């Protein structure tokens, strides 16, 4: 079972990937430096990336993704 505290929900709007809230600085509606094809290449653990949030430069290692969530290698959400 995937631990939810390691997951980050995302949305694809037009050709941009957004998160509702940065897990580090709590900024809202953050545009990620990813494209939808980058996210699709991570489905099933196919590719791993280090994601740098543009709002505060917090970093997290993304190890997997699906159609709703990005999965990090460590907890990034509250309880």
C-alpha atoms as a PDB file:
ATOM      1  CA  UNK A   1       0.000   0.000   0.000  1.00  0.00           C
ATOM      2  CA  UNK A   2       1.306   3.457  -0.917  1.00  0.00           C
ATOM      3  CA  UNK A   3       1.770   5.718   2.113  1.00  0.00           C
ATOM      4  CA  UNK A   4      -0.323   8.851   1.524  1.00  0.00           C
ATOM      5  CA  UNK A   5       2.121  11.033   3.432  1.00  0.00           C
ATOM      6  CA  UNK A   6       4.655  10.320   0.652  1.00  0.00           C
ATOM      7  CA  UNK A   7       2.249  11.320  -2.104  1.00  0.00           C
ATOM      8  CA  UNK A   8       1.480  14.646  -3.704  1.00  0.00           C
ATOM      9  CA  UNK A   9      -1.704  15.151  -5.741  1.00  0.00           C
ATOM     10  CA  UNK A  10      -1.250  16.978  -9.032  1.00  0.00           C
ATOM     11  CA  UNK A  11      -3.365  18.317 -11.882  1.00  0.00           C
ATOM     12  CA  UNK A  12      -2.640  18.735 -15.564  1.00  0.00           C
ATOM     13  CA  UNK A  13      -4.221  21.878 -16.979  1.00  0.00           C
ATOM     14  CA  UNK A  14      -3.646  22.556 -20.656  1.00  0.00           C
ATOM     15  CA  UNK A  15      -0.003  21.418 -21.003  1.00  0.00           C
ATOM     16  CA  UNK A  16       1.150  22.349 -17.477  1.00  0.00           C
ATOM     17  CA  UNK A  17       1.486  20.339 -14.276  1.00  0.00           C
ATOM     18  CA  UNK A  18       0.269  21.990 -11.055  1.00  0.00           C
ATOM     19  CA  UNK A  19       0.039  21.091  -7.378  1.00  0.00           C
ATOM     20  CA  UNK A  20      -2.589  22.714  -5.190  1.00  0.00           C
ATOM     21  CA  UNK A  21      -0.097  23.496  -2.427  1.00  0.00           C
ATOM     22  CA  UNK A  22       3.676  23.352  -1.999  1.00  0.00           C
ATOM     23  CA  UNK A  23       4.533  20.872   0.777  1.00  0.00           C
ATOM     24  CA  UNK A  24       7.386  23.103   1.958  1.00  0.00           C
ATOM     25  CA  UNK A  25       6.259  26.769   1.916  1.00  0.00           C
ATOM     26  CA  UNK A  26       2.486  26.208   1.509  1.00  0.00           C
ATOM     27  CA  UNK A  27       2.215  28.416  -1.591  1.00  0.00           C
ATOM     28  CA  UNK A  28      -0.955  27.660  -3.522  1.00  0.00           C
ATOM     29  CA  UNK A  29      -1.382  26.677  -7.183  1.00  0.00           C
ATOM     30  CA  UNK A  30       2.292  25.956  -7.885  1.00  0.00           C
ATOM     31  CA  UNK A  31       3.320  25.358 -11.495  1.00  0.00           C
ATOM     32  CA  UNK A  32       5.837  22.508 -11.531  1.00  0.00           C
ATOM     33  CA  UNK A  33       8.795  22.399 -13.923  1.00  0.00           C
ATOM     34  CA  UNK A  34       7.355  19.257 -15.542  1.00  0.00           C
ATOM     35  CA  UNK A  35       5.407  18.488 -18.665  1.00  0.00           C
ATOM     36  CA  UNK A  36       2.684  15.829 -18.892  1.00  0.00           C
ATOM     37  CA  UNK A  37       5.046  13.548 -20.842  1.00  0.00           C
ATOM     38  CA  UNK A  38       7.578  13.770 -17.976  1.00  0.00           C
ATOM     39  CA  UNK A  39       4.911  12.585 -15.536  1.00  0.00           C
ATOM     40  CA  UNK A  40       3.804   9.766 -17.840  1.00  0.00           C
ATOM     41  CA  UNK A  41       7.397   8.551 -18.104  1.00  0.00           C
ATOM     42  CA  UNK A  42       7.386   8.071 -14.301  1.00  0.00           C
ATOM     43  CA  UNK A  43       4.283   5.821 -14.283  1.00  0.00           C
ATOM     44  CA  UNK A  44       5.066   2.518 -12.616  1.00  0.00           C
ATOM     45  CA  UNK A  45       8.484   3.660 -11.400  1.00  0.00           C
ATOM     46  CA  UNK A  46       9.847   3.917 -14.928  1.00  0.00           C
ATOM     47  CA  UNK A  47      11.829   7.085 -14.282  1.00  0.00           C
ATOM     48  CA  UNK A  48      12.903   8.919 -11.134  1.00  0.00           C
ATOM     49  CA  UNK A  49      13.507  12.665 -10.892  1.00  0.00           C
ATOM     50  CA  UNK A  50      14.503  15.290  -8.369  1.00  0.00           C
ATOM     51  CA  UNK A  51      11.746  17.881  -8.329  1.00  0.00           C
ATOM     52  CA  UNK A  52      12.661  21.452  -7.333  1.00  0.00           C
ATOM     53  CA  UNK A  53       9.683  23.601  -6.382  1.00  0.00           C
ATOM     54  CA  UNK A  54       9.973  27.032  -8.045  1.00  0.00           C
ATOM     55  CA  UNK A  55       8.314  28.868  -5.147  1.00  0.00           C
ATOM     56  CA  UNK A  56      10.821  28.047  -2.380  1.00  0.00           C
ATOM     57  CA  UNK A  57      13.429  25.763  -4.032  1.00  0.00           C
ATOM     58  CA  UNK A  58      12.490  22.850  -1.777  1.00  0.00           C
ATOM     59  CA  UNK A  59      13.501  19.534  -3.314  1.00  0.00           C
ATOM     60  CA  UNK A  60      12.038  16.069  -3.255  1.00  0.00           C
ATOM     61  CA  UNK A  61      12.888  12.857  -5.112  1.00  0.00           C
ATOM     62  CA  UNK A  62       9.904  11.556  -7.123  1.00  0.00           C
ATOM     63  CA  UNK A  63      10.128   7.792  -7.519  1.00  0.00           C
ATOM     64  CA  UNK A  64       6.762   6.929  -9.065  1.00  0.00           C
ATOM     65  CA  UNK A  65       3.578   8.480 -10.423  1.00  0.00           C
ATOM     66  CA  UNK A  66       0.081   7.589 -11.487  1.00  0.00           C
ATOM     67  CA  UNK A  67      -2.785   9.587 -12.972  1.00  0.00           C
ATOM     68  CA  UNK A  68      -3.477  11.398  -9.684  1.00  0.00           C
ATOM     69  CA  UNK A  69      -0.386  11.392  -7.470  1.00  0.00           C
ATOM     70  CA  UNK A  70       3.360  11.843  -7.510  1.00  0.00           C
ATOM     71  CA  UNK A  71       5.112   9.502  -5.055  1.00  0.00           C
ATOM     72  CA  UNK A  72       8.160  10.746  -3.141  1.00  0.00           C
ATOM     73  CA  UNK A  73      10.840   8.686  -1.435  1.00  0.00           C
ATOM     74  CA  UNK A  74      10.101  10.370   1.925  1.00  0.00           C
ATOM     75  CA  UNK A  75       7.113  11.892   3.742  1.00  0.00           C
ATOM     76  CA  UNK A  76       6.141  15.286   2.326  1.00  0.00           C
ATOM     77  CA  UNK A  77       2.595  15.711   3.688  1.00  0.00           C
ATOM     78  CA  UNK A  78       1.269  16.105   7.183  1.00  0.00           C
ATOM     79  CA  UNK A  79      -0.527  13.319   9.040  1.00  0.00           C
END
